[in-house]
Amino acid sequence: MCLKYKRINEGLWISERSNLETKFAFLPVNMEYAHSVVHLGVHPQIFTEGKHGLGIYLTTDINCCLQGIAAQWVWGKSMLGIETQLILLVEFINHSSVITYMENKAICKEQNSSKDGNNSGMFYFLPTHKLVRVRYIMLYVKTPSTLTSNSSKEIKDLEDIYMRTVLYLTITLTAIILAK
């Protein structure tokens, strides 16, 4: 999904971007914030507390990002899936307040079990949401839905109802005309 919304501070973001470099990274987000992310972008309510304080923690490693957020149960009758994870691909301004670091500790369980113990991705801490804008929203389905679509049967049923209604109205109008 490509977002084409205009935030209030979009002009400020573009003017700031013209002077500085931008980078791309992944941000794990709880499903409960999906609606507000689509309409507002990254906002202070999704900040997390970490070793650099309260802010936005990004990574360039999508595997680490997927491990950073638990799969969350959504509506059980969803055609997409039952357990999903929401990941944002964001573009951020590489401002002087952005902290770039490598993390060799237990952030990514799966990667730390590798032979060298190093993570392949970079990590970024952003103290403010004004430096970030959402480019893509990725929905990962951990438990696929077993439901199947019945749309063709429903359409056929609607067509049958429509044809019966037209036939009924035609017979009724013919009876009224003949009665006069």
N, C-alpha and C. Protein backbone atom coordinates (compact mmCIF):
# COMPACT_ATOMS: atom_id res chain seq x y z
N MET A 1 0.85 -1.16 0.00
CA MET A 1 0.00 0.00 0.00
C MET A 1 0.90 1.23 0.00
N CYS A 2 0.72 2.11 -0.92
CA CYS A 2 1.49 3.35 -1.00
C CYS A 2 0.63 4.48 -0.44
N LEU A 3 1.19 5.20 0.52
CA LEU A 3 0.43 6.27 1.16
C LEU A 3 0.66 7.59 0.44
N LYS A 4 -0.40 8.26 0.12
CA LYS A 4 -0.30 9.55 -0.57
C LYS A 4 -1.07 10.60 0.22
N TYR A 5 -0.82 10.71 1.49
CA TYR A 5 -1.50 11.69 2.31
C TYR A 5 -0.57 12.89 2.54
N LYS A 6 -1.15 13.99 2.92
CA LYS A 6 -0.38 15.19 3.24
C LYS A 6 -0.54 15.48 4.72
N ARG A 7 0.54 15.36 5.47
CA ARG A 7 0.49 15.72 6.87
C ARG A 7 0.55 17.23 7.01
N ILE A 8 0.23 17.71 8.17
CA ILE A 8 0.26 19.15 8.43
C ILE A 8 1.68 19.69 8.24
N ASN A 9 2.67 18.94 8.72
CA ASN A 9 4.05 19.42 8.63
C ASN A 9 4.79 18.83 7.42
N GLU A 10 4.07 18.44 6.39
CA GLU A 10 4.70 17.87 5.19
C GLU A 10 5.64 18.87 4.52
N GLY A 11 5.22 20.13 4.44
CA GLY A 11 6.07 21.16 3.84
C GLY A 11 7.37 21.34 4.61
N LEU A 12 7.29 21.31 5.94
CA LEU A 12 8.48 21.41 6.78
C LEU A 12 9.39 20.22 6.56
N TRP A 13 8.80 19.02 6.46
CA TRP A 13 9.59 17.80 6.23
C TRP A 13 10.34 17.89 4.91
N ILE A 14 9.66 18.35 3.87
CA ILE A 14 10.28 18.45 2.54
C ILE A 14 11.38 19.50 2.54
N SER A 15 11.17 20.63 3.18
CA SER A 15 12.22 21.66 3.22
C SER A 15 13.42 21.19 4.03
N GLU A 16 13.18 20.47 5.11
CA GLU A 16 14.28 19.92 5.92
C GLU A 16 15.03 18.85 5.13
N ARG A 17 14.30 18.07 4.37
CA ARG A 17 14.89 16.99 3.58
C ARG A 17 15.80 17.54 2.48
N SER A 18 15.49 18.71 1.97
CA SER A 18 16.29 19.27 0.88
C SER A 18 17.72 19.56 1.33
N ASN A 19 17.92 19.77 2.62
CA ASN A 19 19.25 20.09 3.14
C ASN A 19 19.98 18.87 3.70
N LEU A 20 19.26 17.82 4.00
CA LEU A 20 19.87 16.65 4.66
C LEU A 20 19.55 15.37 3.90
N GLU A 21 20.33 14.35 4.19
CA GLU A 21 20.15 13.03 3.58
C GLU A 21 18.97 12.30 4.23
N THR A 22 18.28 11.48 3.45
CA THR A 22 17.23 10.63 4.03
C THR A 22 17.65 9.18 3.92
N LYS A 23 17.11 8.37 4.81
CA LYS A 23 17.38 6.93 4.83
C LYS A 23 16.06 6.20 5.00
N PHE A 24 16.09 4.91 4.74
CA PHE A 24 14.91 4.07 4.91
C PHE A 24 15.19 3.02 5.97
N ALA A 25 14.17 2.69 6.74
CA ALA A 25 14.29 1.66 7.77
C ALA A 25 12.90 1.11 8.09
N PHE A 26 12.89 0.05 8.89
CA PHE A 26 11.64 -0.62 9.26
C PHE A 26 11.27 -0.26 10.69
N LEU A 27 9.96 -0.17 10.93
CA LEU A 27 9.43 0.13 12.25
C LEU A 27 8.30 -0.84 12.57
N PRO A 28 8.43 -1.65 13.64
CA PRO A 28 7.32 -2.52 14.03
C PRO A 28 6.25 -1.71 14.76
N VAL A 29 4.99 -1.99 14.45
CA VAL A 29 3.88 -1.24 15.05
C VAL A 29 2.80 -2.22 15.49
N ASN A 30 2.18 -1.95 16.63
CA ASN A 30 1.06 -2.76 17.09
C ASN A 30 -0.13 -2.58 16.15
N MET A 31 -0.89 -3.64 15.96
CA MET A 31 -2.05 -3.59 15.07
C MET A 31 -3.08 -2.55 15.52
N GLU A 32 -3.15 -2.29 16.81
CA GLU A 32 -4.13 -1.33 17.31
C GLU A 32 -3.89 0.09 16.79
N TYR A 33 -2.68 0.36 16.30
CA TYR A 33 -2.36 1.68 15.77
C TYR A 33 -2.46 1.74 14.24
N ALA A 34 -2.90 0.68 13.59
CA ALA A 34 -2.92 0.63 12.13
C ALA A 34 -3.76 1.76 11.53
N HIS A 35 -4.94 1.98 12.06
CA HIS A 35 -5.82 3.01 11.51
C HIS A 35 -5.20 4.40 11.65
N SER A 36 -4.66 4.70 12.82
CA SER A 36 -4.08 6.03 13.02
C SER A 36 -2.79 6.22 12.22
N VAL A 37 -2.04 5.15 11.98
CA VAL A 37 -0.83 5.27 11.16
C VAL A 37 -1.20 5.62 9.72
N VAL A 38 -2.26 5.01 9.21
CA VAL A 38 -2.70 5.30 7.84
C VAL A 38 -3.10 6.77 7.72
N HIS A 39 -3.77 7.31 8.72
CA HIS A 39 -4.28 8.67 8.63
C HIS A 39 -3.34 9.74 9.17
N LEU A 40 -2.52 9.40 10.17
CA LEU A 40 -1.66 10.40 10.81
C LEU A 40 -0.18 10.18 10.57
N GLY A 41 0.20 9.01 10.09
CA GLY A 41 1.62 8.69 9.98
C GLY A 41 2.15 8.25 11.34
N VAL A 42 3.45 8.36 11.52
CA VAL A 42 4.06 8.00 12.80
C VAL A 42 3.76 9.14 13.77
N HIS A 43 3.22 8.80 14.92
CA HIS A 43 2.82 9.81 15.90
C HIS A 43 3.34 9.42 17.28
N PRO A 44 3.37 10.36 18.23
CA PRO A 44 3.98 10.10 19.54
C PRO A 44 3.40 8.93 20.32
N GLN A 45 2.16 8.52 20.06
CA GLN A 45 1.57 7.42 20.81
C GLN A 45 2.28 6.09 20.54
N ILE A 46 3.00 5.98 19.43
CA ILE A 46 3.67 4.71 19.14
C ILE A 46 5.15 4.73 19.53
N PHE A 47 5.57 5.75 20.27
CA PHE A 47 6.94 5.79 20.76
C PHE A 47 7.16 4.62 21.72
N THR A 48 8.39 4.15 21.79
CA THR A 48 8.74 3.09 22.73
C THR A 48 9.89 3.56 23.61
N GLU A 49 9.98 2.96 24.77
CA GLU A 49 11.06 3.27 25.71
C GLU A 49 12.20 2.29 25.45
N GLY A 50 13.40 2.80 25.36
CA GLY A 50 14.57 1.96 25.11
C GLY A 50 15.80 2.54 25.77
N LYS A 51 16.95 2.05 25.36
CA LYS A 51 18.19 2.47 26.02
C LYS A 51 18.55 3.93 25.74
N HIS A 52 18.00 4.52 24.69
CA HIS A 52 18.26 5.93 24.39
C HIS A 52 17.12 6.83 24.84
N GLY A 53 16.12 6.27 25.50
CA GLY A 53 15.00 7.05 25.99
C GLY A 53 13.73 6.78 25.20
N LEU A 54 12.76 7.65 25.36
CA LEU A 54 11.47 7.51 24.69
C LEU A 54 11.58 8.09 23.28
N GLY A 55 11.23 7.29 22.29
CA GLY A 55 11.31 7.75 20.90
C GLY A 55 10.99 6.63 19.93
N ILE A 56 11.50 6.77 18.73
CA ILE A 56 11.24 5.81 17.66
C ILE A 56 12.52 5.01 17.41
N TYR A 57 12.41 3.69 17.50
CA TYR A 57 13.54 2.81 17.26
C TYR A 57 13.34 2.10 15.93
N LEU A 58 14.25 2.32 15.00
CA LEU A 58 14.17 1.76 13.65
C LEU A 58 15.32 0.80 13.42
N THR A 59 15.15 -0.09 12.45
CA THR A 59 16.22 -0.99 12.04
C THR A 59 16.17 -1.20 10.53
N THR A 60 17.31 -1.52 9.96
CA THR A 60 17.36 -1.83 8.53
C THR A 60 17.19 -3.32 8.28
N ASP A 61 17.13 -4.10 9.35
CA ASP A 61 16.99 -5.56 9.23
C ASP A 61 15.54 -5.96 9.48
N ILE A 62 14.87 -6.41 8.44
CA ILE A 62 13.44 -6.75 8.57
C ILE A 62 13.22 -7.97 9.46
N ASN A 63 14.16 -8.91 9.48
CA ASN A 63 14.00 -10.08 10.36
C ASN A 63 14.01 -9.66 11.82
N CYS A 64 14.90 -8.77 12.16
CA CYS A 64 14.96 -8.26 13.52
C CYS A 64 13.68 -7.47 13.85
N CYS A 65 13.19 -6.75 12.88
CA CYS A 65 11.96 -5.98 13.07
C CYS A 65 10.77 -6.91 13.34
N LEU A 66 10.69 -8.01 12.59
CA LEU A 66 9.60 -8.97 12.80
C LEU A 66 9.69 -9.62 14.17
N GLN A 67 10.91 -9.84 14.66
CA GLN A 67 11.07 -10.41 15.99
C GLN A 67 10.76 -9.39 17.08
N GLY A 68 10.82 -8.11 16.72
CA GLY A 68 10.60 -7.05 17.70
C GLY A 68 9.15 -6.83 18.07
N ILE A 69 8.24 -7.47 17.35
CA ILE A 69 6.82 -7.31 17.66
C ILE A 69 6.13 -8.66 17.58
N ALA A 70 5.30 -8.93 18.57
CA ALA A 70 4.59 -10.22 18.60
C ALA A 70 3.45 -10.22 17.60
N ALA A 71 3.16 -11.40 17.07
CA ALA A 71 1.99 -11.54 16.20
C ALA A 71 0.74 -11.28 17.03
N GLN A 72 -0.17 -10.50 16.49
CA GLN A 72 -1.35 -10.11 17.25
C GLN A 72 -2.60 -10.68 16.60
N TRP A 73 -3.50 -11.15 17.45
CA TRP A 73 -4.75 -11.74 16.97
C TRP A 73 -5.65 -10.63 16.46
N VAL A 74 -6.19 -10.82 15.27
CA VAL A 74 -7.17 -9.89 14.72
C VAL A 74 -8.49 -10.63 14.58
N TRP A 75 -9.46 -10.05 13.95
CA TRP A 75 -10.78 -10.63 13.83
C TRP A 75 -10.69 -12.05 13.30
N GLY A 76 -11.31 -13.00 13.97
CA GLY A 76 -11.23 -14.41 13.62
C GLY A 76 -11.83 -14.76 12.27
N LYS A 77 -12.72 -13.92 11.74
CA LYS A 77 -13.33 -14.20 10.44
C LYS A 77 -12.67 -13.40 9.32
N SER A 78 -11.48 -12.90 9.58
CA SER A 78 -10.76 -12.13 8.57
C SER A 78 -10.27 -13.05 7.46
N MET A 79 -10.41 -12.60 6.22
CA MET A 79 -9.92 -13.38 5.08
C MET A 79 -8.40 -13.28 4.97
N LEU A 80 -7.81 -12.24 5.57
CA LEU A 80 -6.36 -12.07 5.49
C LEU A 80 -5.63 -13.07 6.37
N GLY A 81 -6.04 -13.18 7.59
CA GLY A 81 -5.37 -14.07 8.52
C GLY A 81 -5.82 -13.77 9.93
N ILE A 82 -5.44 -14.65 10.84
CA ILE A 82 -5.88 -14.51 12.22
C ILE A 82 -4.81 -13.83 13.08
N GLU A 83 -3.55 -14.20 12.90
CA GLU A 83 -2.45 -13.57 13.62
C GLU A 83 -1.60 -12.80 12.62
N THR A 84 -1.43 -11.51 12.87
CA THR A 84 -0.70 -10.67 11.92
C THR A 84 0.31 -9.79 12.64
N GLN A 85 1.26 -9.30 11.86
CA GLN A 85 2.24 -8.34 12.33
C GLN A 85 2.24 -7.16 11.36
N LEU A 86 2.40 -5.96 11.89
CA LEU A 86 2.39 -4.76 11.07
C LEU A 86 3.77 -4.12 11.11
N ILE A 87 4.37 -3.95 9.93
CA ILE A 87 5.69 -3.34 9.80
C ILE A 87 5.57 -2.14 8.87
N LEU A 88 6.17 -1.03 9.25
CA LEU A 88 6.19 0.16 8.41
C LEU A 88 7.57 0.31 7.78
N LEU A 89 7.60 0.61 6.50
CA LEU A 89 8.83 1.04 5.86
C LEU A 89 8.76 2.56 5.86
N VAL A 90 9.67 3.19 6.59
CA VAL A 90 9.63 4.63 6.75
C VAL A 90 10.86 5.28 6.13
N GLU A 91 10.69 6.51 5.73
CA GLU A 91 11.80 7.34 5.28
C GLU A 91 12.02 8.36 6.38
N PHE A 92 13.27 8.51 6.80
CA PHE A 92 13.54 9.48 7.86
C PHE A 92 14.71 10.37 7.47
N ILE A 93 14.71 11.56 8.03
CA ILE A 93 15.77 12.53 7.78
C ILE A 93 16.92 12.23 8.72
N ASN A 94 18.12 12.12 8.16
CA ASN A 94 19.30 11.83 8.96
C ASN A 94 19.79 13.13 9.62
N HIS A 95 19.02 13.57 10.58
CA HIS A 95 19.26 14.81 11.32
C HIS A 95 20.35 14.57 12.36
N SER A 96 20.91 15.65 12.90
CA SER A 96 21.96 15.51 13.92
C SER A 96 21.43 14.89 15.21
N SER A 97 20.12 14.94 15.44
CA SER A 97 19.55 14.34 16.65
C SER A 97 19.32 12.83 16.52
N VAL A 98 19.47 12.28 15.32
CA VAL A 98 19.29 10.84 15.09
C VAL A 98 20.53 10.10 15.58
N ILE A 99 20.33 9.07 16.38
CA ILE A 99 21.44 8.26 16.89
C ILE A 99 21.50 6.98 16.06
N THR A 100 22.67 6.72 15.46
CA THR A 100 22.90 5.51 14.68
C THR A 100 23.79 4.59 15.51
N TYR A 101 23.42 3.32 15.60
CA TYR A 101 24.23 2.40 16.39
C TYR A 101 24.09 0.98 15.85
N MET A 102 25.08 0.16 16.18
CA MET A 102 25.04 -1.27 15.90
C MET A 102 24.73 -1.94 17.23
N GLU A 103 23.97 -3.00 17.19
CA GLU A 103 23.57 -3.69 18.42
C GLU A 103 24.05 -5.12 18.35
N ASN A 104 24.92 -5.51 19.27
CA ASN A 104 25.43 -6.88 19.29
C ASN A 104 24.83 -7.70 20.42
N LYS A 105 23.93 -7.11 21.17
CA LYS A 105 23.33 -7.82 22.31
C LYS A 105 22.06 -8.52 21.88
N ALA A 106 21.28 -8.97 22.82
CA ALA A 106 20.11 -9.82 22.53
C ALA A 106 18.91 -9.02 22.06
N ILE A 107 19.03 -8.34 20.93
CA ILE A 107 17.85 -7.69 20.35
C ILE A 107 17.18 -8.66 19.41
N CYS A 108 17.96 -9.32 18.61
CA CYS A 108 17.42 -10.27 17.64
C CYS A 108 17.86 -11.67 18.05
N LYS A 109 16.95 -12.42 18.64
CA LYS A 109 17.28 -13.75 19.14
C LYS A 109 17.83 -14.65 18.06
N GLU A 110 17.15 -14.69 16.92
CA GLU A 110 17.53 -15.59 15.84
C GLU A 110 18.90 -15.24 15.28
N GLN A 111 19.18 -13.96 15.13
CA GLN A 111 20.45 -13.55 14.55
C GLN A 111 21.59 -13.72 15.53
N ASN A 112 21.33 -13.57 16.82
CA ASN A 112 22.40 -13.72 17.79
C ASN A 112 22.83 -15.16 17.95
N SER A 113 22.05 -16.08 17.42
CA SER A 113 22.47 -17.48 17.48
C SER A 113 23.39 -17.82 16.31
N SER A 114 23.69 -16.83 15.46
CA SER A 114 24.60 -17.09 14.34
C SER A 114 26.02 -17.21 14.86
N LYS A 115 26.93 -17.65 14.00
CA LYS A 115 28.30 -17.94 14.41
C LYS A 115 29.04 -16.72 14.93
N ASP A 116 28.95 -15.59 14.22
CA ASP A 116 29.71 -14.42 14.65
C ASP A 116 28.98 -13.57 15.69
N GLY A 117 27.67 -13.76 15.85
CA GLY A 117 26.91 -13.04 16.87
C GLY A 117 26.62 -11.60 16.53
N ASN A 118 26.96 -11.17 15.32
CA ASN A 118 26.70 -9.79 14.91
C ASN A 118 25.41 -9.68 14.12
N ASN A 119 24.73 -8.58 14.30
CA ASN A 119 23.53 -8.31 13.51
C ASN A 119 23.94 -7.64 12.21
N SER A 120 23.22 -7.93 11.16
CA SER A 120 23.58 -7.38 9.86
C SER A 120 23.01 -5.99 9.63
N GLY A 121 22.05 -5.57 10.44
CA GLY A 121 21.38 -4.30 10.21
C GLY A 121 21.89 -3.18 11.10
N MET A 122 21.57 -1.98 10.67
CA MET A 122 21.86 -0.79 11.48
C MET A 122 20.60 -0.46 12.28
N PHE A 123 20.80 0.22 13.38
CA PHE A 123 19.70 0.64 14.23
C PHE A 123 19.74 2.16 14.36
N TYR A 124 18.56 2.76 14.44
CA TYR A 124 18.46 4.21 14.54
C TYR A 124 17.48 4.57 15.65
N PHE A 125 17.81 5.62 16.38
CA PHE A 125 16.90 6.18 17.38
C PHE A 125 16.55 7.60 16.95
N LEU A 126 15.26 7.88 16.86
CA LEU A 126 14.77 9.21 16.50
C LEU A 126 13.98 9.75 17.68
N PRO A 127 14.36 10.90 18.21
CA PRO A 127 13.66 11.44 19.37
C PRO A 127 12.31 12.09 19.05
N THR A 128 12.05 12.34 17.77
CA THR A 128 10.80 13.00 17.40
C THR A 128 10.18 12.36 16.16
N HIS A 129 8.87 12.43 16.07
CA HIS A 129 8.16 11.86 14.93
C HIS A 129 8.18 12.78 13.72
N LYS A 130 8.66 14.00 13.88
CA LYS A 130 8.66 14.97 12.78
C LYS A 130 9.71 14.65 11.72
N LEU A 131 10.64 13.77 12.03
CA LEU A 131 11.69 13.41 11.07
C LEU A 131 11.32 12.20 10.22
N VAL A 132 10.14 11.63 10.46
CA VAL A 132 9.77 10.36 9.83
C VAL A 132 8.52 10.53 8.99
N ARG A 133 8.49 9.81 7.87
CA ARG A 133 7.22 9.68 7.14
C ARG A 133 7.10 8.26 6.63
N VAL A 134 5.88 7.77 6.64
CA VAL A 134 5.59 6.39 6.26
C VAL A 134 5.58 6.29 4.74
N ARG A 135 6.27 5.30 4.22
CA ARG A 135 6.27 5.04 2.78
C ARG A 135 5.39 3.84 2.43
N TYR A 136 5.55 2.75 3.16
CA TYR A 136 4.77 1.54 2.90
C TYR A 136 4.34 0.92 4.21
N ILE A 137 3.18 0.28 4.17
CA ILE A 137 2.69 -0.49 5.31
C ILE A 137 2.69 -1.95 4.87
N MET A 138 3.38 -2.79 5.63
CA MET A 138 3.46 -4.21 5.29
C MET A 138 2.75 -5.02 6.37
N LEU A 139 1.87 -5.88 5.94
CA LEU A 139 1.12 -6.73 6.85
C LEU A 139 1.62 -8.16 6.67
N TYR A 140 2.21 -8.71 7.70
CA TYR A 140 2.69 -10.09 7.67
C TYR A 140 1.67 -10.98 8.35
N VAL A 141 1.28 -12.04 7.68
CA VAL A 141 0.29 -12.96 8.22
C VAL A 141 1.02 -14.17 8.76
N LYS A 142 0.91 -14.38 10.07
CA LYS A 142 1.58 -15.51 10.70
C LYS A 142 0.69 -16.75 10.67
N THR A 143 -0.60 -16.58 10.92
CA THR A 143 -1.56 -17.68 10.86
C THR A 143 -2.58 -17.35 9.79
N PRO A 144 -2.48 -17.99 8.62
CA PRO A 144 -3.43 -17.69 7.53
C PRO A 144 -4.85 -18.11 7.89
N SER A 145 -5.79 -17.46 7.28
CA SER A 145 -7.20 -17.77 7.49
C SER A 145 -7.55 -19.04 6.73
N THR A 146 -8.43 -19.84 7.31
CA THR A 146 -8.91 -21.05 6.63
C THR A 146 -10.25 -20.80 5.96
N LEU A 147 -10.75 -19.58 6.08
CA LEU A 147 -12.03 -19.24 5.46
C LEU A 147 -11.85 -19.07 3.96
N THR A 148 -12.87 -19.44 3.22
CA THR A 148 -12.84 -19.24 1.77
C THR A 148 -13.94 -18.26 1.39
N SER A 149 -13.72 -17.61 0.31
CA SER A 149 -14.67 -16.60 -0.15
C SER A 149 -15.87 -17.26 -0.81
N ASN A 150 -17.06 -16.78 -0.47
CA ASN A 150 -18.29 -17.27 -1.09
C ASN A 150 -18.90 -16.19 -1.97
N SER A 151 -18.08 -15.29 -2.46
CA SER A 151 -18.61 -14.14 -3.18
C SER A 151 -19.33 -14.54 -4.46
N SER A 152 -18.85 -15.56 -5.19
CA SER A 152 -19.53 -15.94 -6.43
C SER A 152 -20.92 -16.51 -6.14
N LYS A 153 -21.06 -17.27 -5.05
CA LYS A 153 -22.36 -17.81 -4.66
C LYS A 153 -23.29 -16.67 -4.23
N GLU A 154 -22.75 -15.70 -3.48
CA GLU A 154 -23.56 -14.56 -3.04
C GLU A 154 -24.03 -13.73 -4.22
N ILE A 155 -23.17 -13.54 -5.20
CA ILE A 155 -23.55 -12.78 -6.40
C ILE A 155 -24.65 -13.50 -7.15
N LYS A 156 -24.52 -14.83 -7.28
CA LYS A 156 -25.55 -15.61 -7.97
C LYS A 156 -26.87 -15.51 -7.22
N ASP A 157 -26.83 -15.58 -5.90
CA ASP A 157 -28.05 -15.44 -5.10
C ASP A 157 -28.69 -14.07 -5.30
N LEU A 158 -27.88 -13.02 -5.35
CA LEU A 158 -28.41 -11.67 -5.57
C LEU A 158 -29.02 -11.55 -6.96
N GLU A 159 -28.39 -12.16 -7.96
CA GLU A 159 -28.95 -12.13 -9.31
C GLU A 159 -30.30 -12.85 -9.36
N ASP A 160 -30.41 -13.98 -8.66
CA ASP A 160 -31.68 -14.71 -8.60
C ASP A 160 -32.77 -13.86 -7.95
N ILE A 161 -32.44 -13.20 -6.85
CA ILE A 161 -33.41 -12.34 -6.17
C ILE A 161 -33.84 -11.20 -7.09
N TYR A 162 -32.88 -10.61 -7.79
CA TYR A 162 -33.18 -9.51 -8.71
C TYR A 162 -34.12 -9.98 -9.82
N MET A 163 -33.83 -11.13 -10.42
CA MET A 163 -34.68 -11.64 -11.51
C MET A 163 -36.09 -11.95 -11.01
N ARG A 164 -36.21 -12.54 -9.80
CA ARG A 164 -37.53 -12.82 -9.24
C ARG A 164 -38.31 -11.54 -8.97
N THR A 165 -37.60 -10.51 -8.47
CA THR A 165 -38.24 -9.23 -8.19
C THR A 165 -38.74 -8.58 -9.47
N VAL A 166 -37.92 -8.60 -10.52
CA VAL A 166 -38.32 -8.03 -11.81
C VAL A 166 -39.53 -8.79 -12.35
N LEU A 167 -39.50 -10.13 -12.28
CA LEU A 167 -40.62 -10.94 -12.75
C LEU A 167 -41.89 -10.62 -11.96
N TYR A 168 -41.79 -10.52 -10.65
CA TYR A 168 -42.93 -10.21 -9.79
C TYR A 168 -43.52 -8.85 -10.15
N LEU A 169 -42.65 -7.83 -10.31
CA LEU A 169 -43.13 -6.49 -10.65
C LEU A 169 -43.79 -6.47 -12.03
N THR A 170 -43.23 -7.20 -12.98
CA THR A 170 -43.81 -7.27 -14.32
C THR A 170 -45.20 -7.89 -14.28
N ILE A 171 -45.35 -8.99 -13.57
CA ILE A 171 -46.66 -9.66 -13.45
C ILE A 171 -47.65 -8.75 -12.74
N THR A 172 -47.22 -8.08 -11.67
CA THR A 172 -48.10 -7.18 -10.93
C THR A 172 -48.56 -6.02 -11.79
N LEU A 173 -47.63 -5.39 -12.51
CA LEU A 173 -48.01 -4.27 -13.39
C LEU A 173 -48.93 -4.73 -14.52
N THR A 174 -48.67 -5.90 -15.08
CA THR A 174 -49.54 -6.44 -16.14
C THR A 174 -50.94 -6.68 -15.59
N ALA A 175 -51.05 -7.23 -14.39
CA ALA A 175 -52.36 -7.48 -13.77
C ALA A 175 -53.10 -6.18 -13.51
N ILE A 176 -52.40 -5.14 -13.08
CA ILE A 176 -53.03 -3.84 -12.83
C ILE A 176 -53.54 -3.23 -14.13
N ILE A 177 -52.73 -3.30 -15.18
CA ILE A 177 -53.13 -2.74 -16.49
C ILE A 177 -54.33 -3.49 -17.04
N LEU A 178 -54.34 -4.82 -16.96
CA LEU A 178 -55.45 -5.62 -17.47
C LEU A 178 -56.73 -5.42 -16.65
N ALA A 179 -56.58 -5.12 -15.37
CA ALA A 179 -57.74 -4.91 -14.51
C ALA A 179 -58.46 -3.61 -14.84
N LYS A 180 -57.79 -2.65 -15.39
CA LYS A 180 -58.42 -1.36 -15.74
C LYS A 180 -59.10 -1.52 -17.02
